[in-house]
Amino acid sequence: MPQGFEVFHNLDLLDRRKGENNYRQPDIAVVSPSDVMHRGIDGHAELVVEILSPNDESREKLDFYAMCRIPEYWIVDPITSAIEVYVLVGDGYELVKPDAGGVIVAPRFDLRLSVVDGPKLRVTWPDGHTEI
């Protein structure tokens, strides 16, 4: 990962003020190792990703992640590979709209996201890409 960040799967993200009494568990979190402690992530991540599932609560976590000042939040549909990218602006999130070609710019790590045949999610960065 760029800038020394690490990727964690299903690790609690704790509210720094309330600790273990207030937390959410993102499916994926990109975090500085200095923000990881024995119980989970200490109140901050650079990016969190939620993968939709039946009876999902991903959109209900928007306010919590905004309170934790998470710069970017993605919600991914595993069936269609559709993705929503939210960017923190002030105290809340704004949905990033796709361009005319259907590409969504995820600014935190300078990524371009699009759905391609499969359906697959194509992730493009300045010197490469992958499809998942």
N, C-alpha and C. Protein backbone atom coordinates (compact mmCIF):
# COMPACT_ATOMS: atom_id res chain seq x y z
N MET A 1 0.85 -1.19 0.00
CA MET A 1 0.00 0.00 0.00
C MET A 1 0.89 1.24 0.00
N PRO A 2 0.41 2.28 -0.66
CA PRO A 2 1.18 3.53 -0.66
C PRO A 2 1.22 4.16 0.73
N GLN A 3 2.23 4.92 0.99
CA GLN A 3 2.36 5.72 2.20
C GLN A 3 2.37 4.89 3.48
N GLY A 4 2.70 3.60 3.39
CA GLY A 4 2.81 2.77 4.59
C GLY A 4 1.51 2.30 5.18
N PHE A 5 0.40 2.46 4.49
CA PHE A 5 -0.89 2.00 5.00
C PHE A 5 -1.01 0.49 4.85
N GLU A 6 -1.88 -0.11 5.68
CA GLU A 6 -2.16 -1.53 5.61
C GLU A 6 -3.65 -1.75 5.43
N VAL A 7 -4.00 -2.89 4.86
CA VAL A 7 -5.40 -3.25 4.63
C VAL A 7 -5.81 -4.28 5.68
N PHE A 8 -6.96 -4.02 6.33
CA PHE A 8 -7.49 -4.92 7.34
C PHE A 8 -8.89 -5.34 6.95
N HIS A 9 -9.25 -6.56 7.33
CA HIS A 9 -10.55 -7.14 7.02
C HIS A 9 -11.29 -7.42 8.32
N ASN A 10 -12.52 -6.88 8.43
CA ASN A 10 -13.39 -7.13 9.59
C ASN A 10 -12.73 -6.82 10.93
N LEU A 11 -12.10 -5.68 11.03
CA LEU A 11 -11.50 -5.22 12.28
C LEU A 11 -12.31 -4.03 12.77
N ASP A 12 -12.71 -4.02 14.04
CA ASP A 12 -13.55 -2.95 14.58
C ASP A 12 -12.89 -1.59 14.44
N LEU A 13 -13.68 -0.60 14.06
CA LEU A 13 -13.26 0.80 14.03
C LEU A 13 -13.94 1.47 15.22
N LEU A 14 -13.13 1.85 16.20
CA LEU A 14 -13.65 2.37 17.47
C LEU A 14 -13.76 3.89 17.45
N ASP A 15 -14.80 4.39 18.08
CA ASP A 15 -14.96 5.83 18.33
C ASP A 15 -13.89 6.22 19.36
N ARG A 16 -13.02 7.16 19.03
CA ARG A 16 -11.93 7.53 19.94
C ARG A 16 -12.44 8.04 21.29
N ARG A 17 -13.63 8.65 21.29
CA ARG A 17 -14.15 9.19 22.55
C ARG A 17 -14.81 8.13 23.41
N LYS A 18 -15.48 7.17 22.80
CA LYS A 18 -16.24 6.17 23.56
C LYS A 18 -15.62 4.78 23.51
N GLY A 19 -14.60 4.59 22.68
CA GLY A 19 -13.88 3.33 22.62
C GLY A 19 -14.75 2.14 22.30
N GLU A 20 -14.62 1.09 23.10
CA GLU A 20 -15.31 -0.16 22.84
C GLU A 20 -16.82 -0.06 22.98
N ASN A 21 -17.33 1.04 23.50
CA ASN A 21 -18.77 1.21 23.65
C ASN A 21 -19.43 1.72 22.38
N ASN A 22 -18.65 2.15 21.39
CA ASN A 22 -19.20 2.66 20.15
C ASN A 22 -18.24 2.33 19.02
N TYR A 23 -18.63 1.39 18.17
CA TYR A 23 -17.76 0.98 17.08
C TYR A 23 -18.61 0.44 15.92
N ARG A 24 -17.99 0.35 14.76
CA ARG A 24 -18.56 -0.30 13.59
C ARG A 24 -17.46 -1.21 13.04
N GLN A 25 -17.87 -2.19 12.27
CA GLN A 25 -16.89 -3.11 11.70
C GLN A 25 -17.00 -3.10 10.18
N PRO A 26 -16.15 -2.30 9.52
CA PRO A 26 -16.17 -2.30 8.06
C PRO A 26 -15.63 -3.62 7.52
N ASP A 27 -16.05 -3.97 6.31
CA ASP A 27 -15.53 -5.18 5.69
C ASP A 27 -14.05 -5.04 5.40
N ILE A 28 -13.65 -3.87 4.93
CA ILE A 28 -12.25 -3.58 4.62
C ILE A 28 -11.92 -2.18 5.12
N ALA A 29 -10.73 -2.02 5.69
CA ALA A 29 -10.27 -0.70 6.12
C ALA A 29 -8.81 -0.54 5.72
N VAL A 30 -8.47 0.63 5.19
CA VAL A 30 -7.09 0.99 4.88
C VAL A 30 -6.65 1.95 5.98
N VAL A 31 -5.60 1.53 6.72
CA VAL A 31 -5.27 2.19 7.98
C VAL A 31 -3.76 2.34 8.13
N SER A 32 -3.35 3.40 8.80
CA SER A 32 -1.96 3.53 9.22
C SER A 32 -1.74 2.55 10.36
N PRO A 33 -0.63 1.80 10.35
CA PRO A 33 -0.38 0.85 11.44
C PRO A 33 -0.39 1.52 12.82
N SER A 34 -0.07 2.80 12.89
CA SER A 34 -0.07 3.49 14.19
C SER A 34 -1.48 3.65 14.76
N ASP A 35 -2.52 3.46 13.92
CA ASP A 35 -3.90 3.57 14.39
C ASP A 35 -4.51 2.22 14.77
N VAL A 36 -3.71 1.15 14.73
CA VAL A 36 -4.22 -0.18 15.08
C VAL A 36 -3.75 -0.52 16.49
N MET A 37 -4.70 -0.96 17.31
CA MET A 37 -4.40 -1.33 18.68
C MET A 37 -4.93 -2.74 18.92
N HIS A 38 -4.81 -3.24 20.13
CA HIS A 38 -5.20 -4.62 20.41
C HIS A 38 -6.68 -4.89 20.13
N ARG A 39 -7.56 -3.96 20.34
CA ARG A 39 -9.01 -4.18 20.21
C ARG A 39 -9.52 -3.85 18.81
N GLY A 40 -8.79 -3.03 18.06
CA GLY A 40 -9.27 -2.65 16.74
C GLY A 40 -8.55 -1.41 16.24
N ILE A 41 -9.26 -0.66 15.43
CA ILE A 41 -8.71 0.56 14.84
C ILE A 41 -9.11 1.73 15.71
N ASP A 42 -8.13 2.54 16.10
CA ASP A 42 -8.35 3.65 17.02
C ASP A 42 -8.93 4.87 16.33
N GLY A 43 -10.19 4.77 15.91
CA GLY A 43 -10.95 5.93 15.49
C GLY A 43 -10.66 6.54 14.15
N HIS A 44 -9.69 6.02 13.37
CA HIS A 44 -9.44 6.63 12.08
C HIS A 44 -8.92 5.62 11.08
N ALA A 45 -9.39 5.74 9.86
CA ALA A 45 -8.89 4.98 8.72
C ALA A 45 -8.86 5.95 7.54
N GLU A 46 -8.09 5.63 6.53
CA GLU A 46 -8.03 6.47 5.33
C GLU A 46 -9.17 6.15 4.38
N LEU A 47 -9.61 4.89 4.41
CA LEU A 47 -10.67 4.42 3.53
C LEU A 47 -11.35 3.25 4.21
N VAL A 48 -12.69 3.21 4.15
CA VAL A 48 -13.41 2.02 4.58
C VAL A 48 -14.30 1.56 3.42
N VAL A 49 -14.45 0.24 3.33
CA VAL A 49 -15.24 -0.36 2.26
C VAL A 49 -16.25 -1.31 2.90
N GLU A 50 -17.49 -1.18 2.47
CA GLU A 50 -18.55 -2.09 2.90
C GLU A 50 -19.03 -2.85 1.67
N ILE A 51 -19.22 -4.15 1.81
CA ILE A 51 -19.74 -5.00 0.75
C ILE A 51 -21.17 -5.34 1.10
N LEU A 52 -22.10 -4.96 0.22
CA LEU A 52 -23.52 -5.15 0.49
C LEU A 52 -23.86 -6.62 0.68
N SER A 53 -24.80 -6.85 1.59
CA SER A 53 -25.32 -8.19 1.86
C SER A 53 -26.79 -8.04 2.24
N PRO A 54 -27.54 -9.15 2.29
CA PRO A 54 -28.96 -9.05 2.69
C PRO A 54 -29.09 -8.36 4.05
N ASN A 55 -30.11 -7.53 4.19
CA ASN A 55 -30.38 -6.78 5.42
C ASN A 55 -29.18 -5.93 5.85
N ASP A 56 -28.49 -5.40 4.88
CA ASP A 56 -27.26 -4.66 5.09
C ASP A 56 -27.51 -3.31 5.77
N GLU A 57 -26.54 -2.85 6.55
CA GLU A 57 -26.64 -1.57 7.25
C GLU A 57 -25.55 -0.58 6.81
N SER A 58 -24.98 -0.81 5.62
CA SER A 58 -23.85 0.02 5.16
C SER A 58 -24.18 1.51 5.15
N ARG A 59 -25.33 1.89 4.65
CA ARG A 59 -25.67 3.31 4.56
C ARG A 59 -25.96 3.92 5.93
N GLU A 60 -26.33 3.08 6.88
CA GLU A 60 -26.57 3.55 8.24
C GLU A 60 -25.26 3.89 8.96
N LYS A 61 -24.13 3.49 8.41
CA LYS A 61 -22.83 3.76 9.02
C LYS A 61 -22.22 5.08 8.55
N LEU A 62 -22.85 5.74 7.58
CA LEU A 62 -22.30 6.98 7.04
C LEU A 62 -22.01 8.01 8.13
N ASP A 63 -22.95 8.25 9.02
CA ASP A 63 -22.75 9.27 10.07
C ASP A 63 -21.61 8.91 11.01
N PHE A 64 -21.50 7.62 11.36
CA PHE A 64 -20.41 7.20 12.25
C PHE A 64 -19.06 7.43 11.59
N TYR A 65 -18.92 7.01 10.34
CA TYR A 65 -17.65 7.18 9.64
C TYR A 65 -17.32 8.65 9.42
N ALA A 66 -18.33 9.47 9.19
CA ALA A 66 -18.10 10.91 9.06
C ALA A 66 -17.62 11.49 10.39
N MET A 67 -18.22 11.05 11.50
CA MET A 67 -17.80 11.50 12.82
C MET A 67 -16.35 11.11 13.10
N CYS A 68 -15.92 9.95 12.56
CA CYS A 68 -14.53 9.50 12.72
C CYS A 68 -13.59 10.16 11.71
N ARG A 69 -14.13 10.99 10.84
CA ARG A 69 -13.34 11.75 9.86
C ARG A 69 -12.65 10.84 8.85
N ILE A 70 -13.34 9.78 8.41
CA ILE A 70 -12.81 8.89 7.39
C ILE A 70 -12.93 9.62 6.05
N PRO A 71 -11.81 9.88 5.35
CA PRO A 71 -11.86 10.69 4.13
C PRO A 71 -12.69 10.09 3.00
N GLU A 72 -12.74 8.76 2.92
CA GLU A 72 -13.43 8.14 1.79
C GLU A 72 -14.10 6.85 2.24
N TYR A 73 -15.31 6.61 1.72
CA TYR A 73 -16.13 5.47 2.11
C TYR A 73 -16.73 4.87 0.84
N TRP A 74 -16.51 3.58 0.62
CA TRP A 74 -17.06 2.90 -0.55
C TRP A 74 -18.09 1.87 -0.13
N ILE A 75 -19.14 1.74 -0.94
CA ILE A 75 -20.12 0.67 -0.79
C ILE A 75 -20.13 -0.09 -2.11
N VAL A 76 -19.89 -1.42 -2.04
CA VAL A 76 -19.77 -2.25 -3.23
C VAL A 76 -20.86 -3.31 -3.25
N ASP A 77 -21.52 -3.44 -4.40
CA ASP A 77 -22.49 -4.51 -4.60
C ASP A 77 -21.74 -5.71 -5.20
N PRO A 78 -21.65 -6.84 -4.48
CA PRO A 78 -20.86 -7.96 -4.97
C PRO A 78 -21.48 -8.67 -6.18
N ILE A 79 -22.77 -8.47 -6.42
CA ILE A 79 -23.43 -9.13 -7.55
C ILE A 79 -23.18 -8.36 -8.85
N THR A 80 -23.39 -7.06 -8.81
CA THR A 80 -23.28 -6.24 -10.02
C THR A 80 -21.93 -5.55 -10.15
N SER A 81 -21.14 -5.55 -9.10
CA SER A 81 -19.87 -4.81 -9.00
C SER A 81 -20.07 -3.30 -9.01
N ALA A 82 -21.32 -2.85 -8.91
CA ALA A 82 -21.57 -1.41 -8.82
C ALA A 82 -20.94 -0.88 -7.54
N ILE A 83 -20.46 0.34 -7.60
CA ILE A 83 -19.78 0.93 -6.45
C ILE A 83 -20.26 2.35 -6.23
N GLU A 84 -20.40 2.70 -4.97
CA GLU A 84 -20.69 4.07 -4.57
C GLU A 84 -19.46 4.57 -3.82
N VAL A 85 -18.98 5.72 -4.20
CA VAL A 85 -17.83 6.33 -3.53
C VAL A 85 -18.32 7.61 -2.87
N TYR A 86 -18.09 7.71 -1.57
CA TYR A 86 -18.45 8.89 -0.80
C TYR A 86 -17.17 9.56 -0.31
N VAL A 87 -17.12 10.87 -0.44
CA VAL A 87 -15.96 11.65 -0.01
C VAL A 87 -16.42 12.59 1.11
N LEU A 88 -15.63 12.65 2.17
CA LEU A 88 -15.96 13.51 3.31
C LEU A 88 -15.78 14.97 2.91
N VAL A 89 -16.83 15.75 3.06
CA VAL A 89 -16.81 17.18 2.80
C VAL A 89 -17.44 17.84 4.02
N GLY A 90 -16.64 18.58 4.77
CA GLY A 90 -17.15 19.17 6.01
C GLY A 90 -17.47 18.07 7.00
N ASP A 91 -18.71 18.05 7.48
CA ASP A 91 -19.12 17.07 8.48
C ASP A 91 -19.87 15.88 7.90
N GLY A 92 -19.98 15.80 6.57
CA GLY A 92 -20.74 14.71 5.97
C GLY A 92 -20.14 14.25 4.65
N TYR A 93 -20.78 13.26 4.07
CA TYR A 93 -20.28 12.67 2.83
C TYR A 93 -21.06 13.18 1.62
N GLU A 94 -20.33 13.30 0.51
CA GLU A 94 -20.94 13.58 -0.78
C GLU A 94 -20.65 12.40 -1.69
N LEU A 95 -21.68 11.97 -2.43
CA LEU A 95 -21.53 10.88 -3.38
C LEU A 95 -20.79 11.39 -4.60
N VAL A 96 -19.76 10.66 -5.02
CA VAL A 96 -19.02 11.02 -6.24
C VAL A 96 -19.81 10.49 -7.43
N LYS A 97 -20.12 11.38 -8.36
CA LYS A 97 -20.87 11.00 -9.55
C LYS A 97 -19.92 10.46 -10.61
N PRO A 98 -20.33 9.43 -11.35
CA PRO A 98 -19.49 8.92 -12.43
C PRO A 98 -19.42 9.92 -13.58
N ASP A 99 -18.32 9.87 -14.35
CA ASP A 99 -18.22 10.74 -15.52
C ASP A 99 -19.06 10.14 -16.65
N ALA A 100 -19.02 10.77 -17.83
CA ALA A 100 -19.83 10.32 -18.96
C ALA A 100 -19.52 8.88 -19.38
N GLY A 101 -18.32 8.40 -19.11
CA GLY A 101 -17.94 7.03 -19.45
C GLY A 101 -18.21 6.04 -18.34
N GLY A 102 -18.83 6.50 -17.24
CA GLY A 102 -19.15 5.61 -16.13
C GLY A 102 -18.02 5.41 -15.14
N VAL A 103 -16.95 6.21 -15.24
CA VAL A 103 -15.80 6.08 -14.36
C VAL A 103 -16.00 6.96 -13.13
N ILE A 104 -15.75 6.40 -11.96
CA ILE A 104 -15.83 7.13 -10.71
C ILE A 104 -14.40 7.38 -10.23
N VAL A 105 -14.10 8.62 -9.90
CA VAL A 105 -12.78 8.95 -9.37
C VAL A 105 -12.84 8.88 -7.86
N ALA A 106 -11.98 8.03 -7.30
CA ALA A 106 -11.84 7.90 -5.85
C ALA A 106 -10.56 8.64 -5.48
N PRO A 107 -10.68 9.86 -4.96
CA PRO A 107 -9.51 10.74 -4.85
C PRO A 107 -8.48 10.38 -3.80
N ARG A 108 -8.85 9.72 -2.71
CA ARG A 108 -7.89 9.51 -1.62
C ARG A 108 -6.61 8.83 -2.08
N PHE A 109 -6.75 7.81 -2.95
CA PHE A 109 -5.59 7.10 -3.46
C PHE A 109 -5.46 7.22 -4.98
N ASP A 110 -6.12 8.22 -5.55
CA ASP A 110 -6.04 8.52 -6.98
C ASP A 110 -6.40 7.29 -7.82
N LEU A 111 -7.59 6.73 -7.56
CA LEU A 111 -8.05 5.54 -8.26
C LEU A 111 -9.22 5.89 -9.18
N ARG A 112 -9.34 5.15 -10.27
CA ARG A 112 -10.48 5.25 -11.18
C ARG A 112 -11.20 3.92 -11.11
N LEU A 113 -12.52 3.95 -10.88
CA LEU A 113 -13.31 2.74 -10.68
C LEU A 113 -14.40 2.66 -11.74
N SER A 114 -14.58 1.49 -12.33
CA SER A 114 -15.64 1.32 -13.32
C SER A 114 -16.05 -0.14 -13.37
N VAL A 115 -17.27 -0.38 -13.79
CA VAL A 115 -17.77 -1.74 -13.96
C VAL A 115 -17.54 -2.13 -15.42
N VAL A 116 -16.94 -3.31 -15.62
CA VAL A 116 -16.67 -3.83 -16.96
C VAL A 116 -17.36 -5.19 -17.11
N ASP A 117 -17.34 -5.72 -18.33
CA ASP A 117 -17.99 -7.00 -18.59
C ASP A 117 -17.57 -8.06 -17.58
N GLY A 118 -18.56 -8.81 -17.15
CA GLY A 118 -18.30 -9.87 -16.19
C GLY A 118 -19.51 -10.13 -15.30
N PRO A 119 -20.06 -9.22 -14.55
CA PRO A 119 -19.50 -7.88 -14.31
C PRO A 119 -18.33 -7.94 -13.32
N LYS A 120 -17.37 -7.08 -13.59
CA LYS A 120 -16.20 -6.95 -12.73
C LYS A 120 -15.98 -5.48 -12.43
N LEU A 121 -15.32 -5.24 -11.32
CA LEU A 121 -14.94 -3.88 -10.96
C LEU A 121 -13.50 -3.67 -11.43
N ARG A 122 -13.31 -2.68 -12.30
CA ARG A 122 -11.95 -2.34 -12.75
C ARG A 122 -11.45 -1.19 -11.88
N VAL A 123 -10.28 -1.40 -11.30
CA VAL A 123 -9.62 -0.39 -10.48
C VAL A 123 -8.35 0.02 -11.23
N THR A 124 -8.25 1.31 -11.56
CA THR A 124 -7.12 1.82 -12.32
C THR A 124 -6.39 2.85 -11.48
N TRP A 125 -5.06 2.79 -11.49
CA TRP A 125 -4.22 3.77 -10.81
C TRP A 125 -3.21 4.28 -11.82
N PRO A 126 -2.40 5.29 -11.49
CA PRO A 126 -1.55 5.92 -12.50
C PRO A 126 -0.66 4.98 -13.32
N ASP A 127 -0.21 3.86 -12.77
CA ASP A 127 0.68 3.01 -13.56
C ASP A 127 0.18 1.57 -13.67
N GLY A 128 -1.14 1.35 -13.56
CA GLY A 128 -1.65 0.00 -13.71
C GLY A 128 -3.12 -0.12 -13.44
N HIS A 129 -3.63 -1.34 -13.48
CA HIS A 129 -5.03 -1.61 -13.16
C HIS A 129 -5.21 -3.08 -12.82
N THR A 130 -6.37 -3.39 -12.25
CA THR A 130 -6.76 -4.77 -11.97
C THR A 130 -8.27 -4.85 -12.10
N GLU A 131 -8.77 -6.06 -12.26
CA GLU A 131 -10.21 -6.29 -12.28
C GLU A 131 -10.55 -7.34 -11.24
N ILE A 132 -11.58 -7.07 -10.47
CA ILE A 132 -12.02 -8.01 -9.44
C ILE A 132 -13.49 -8.28 -9.57
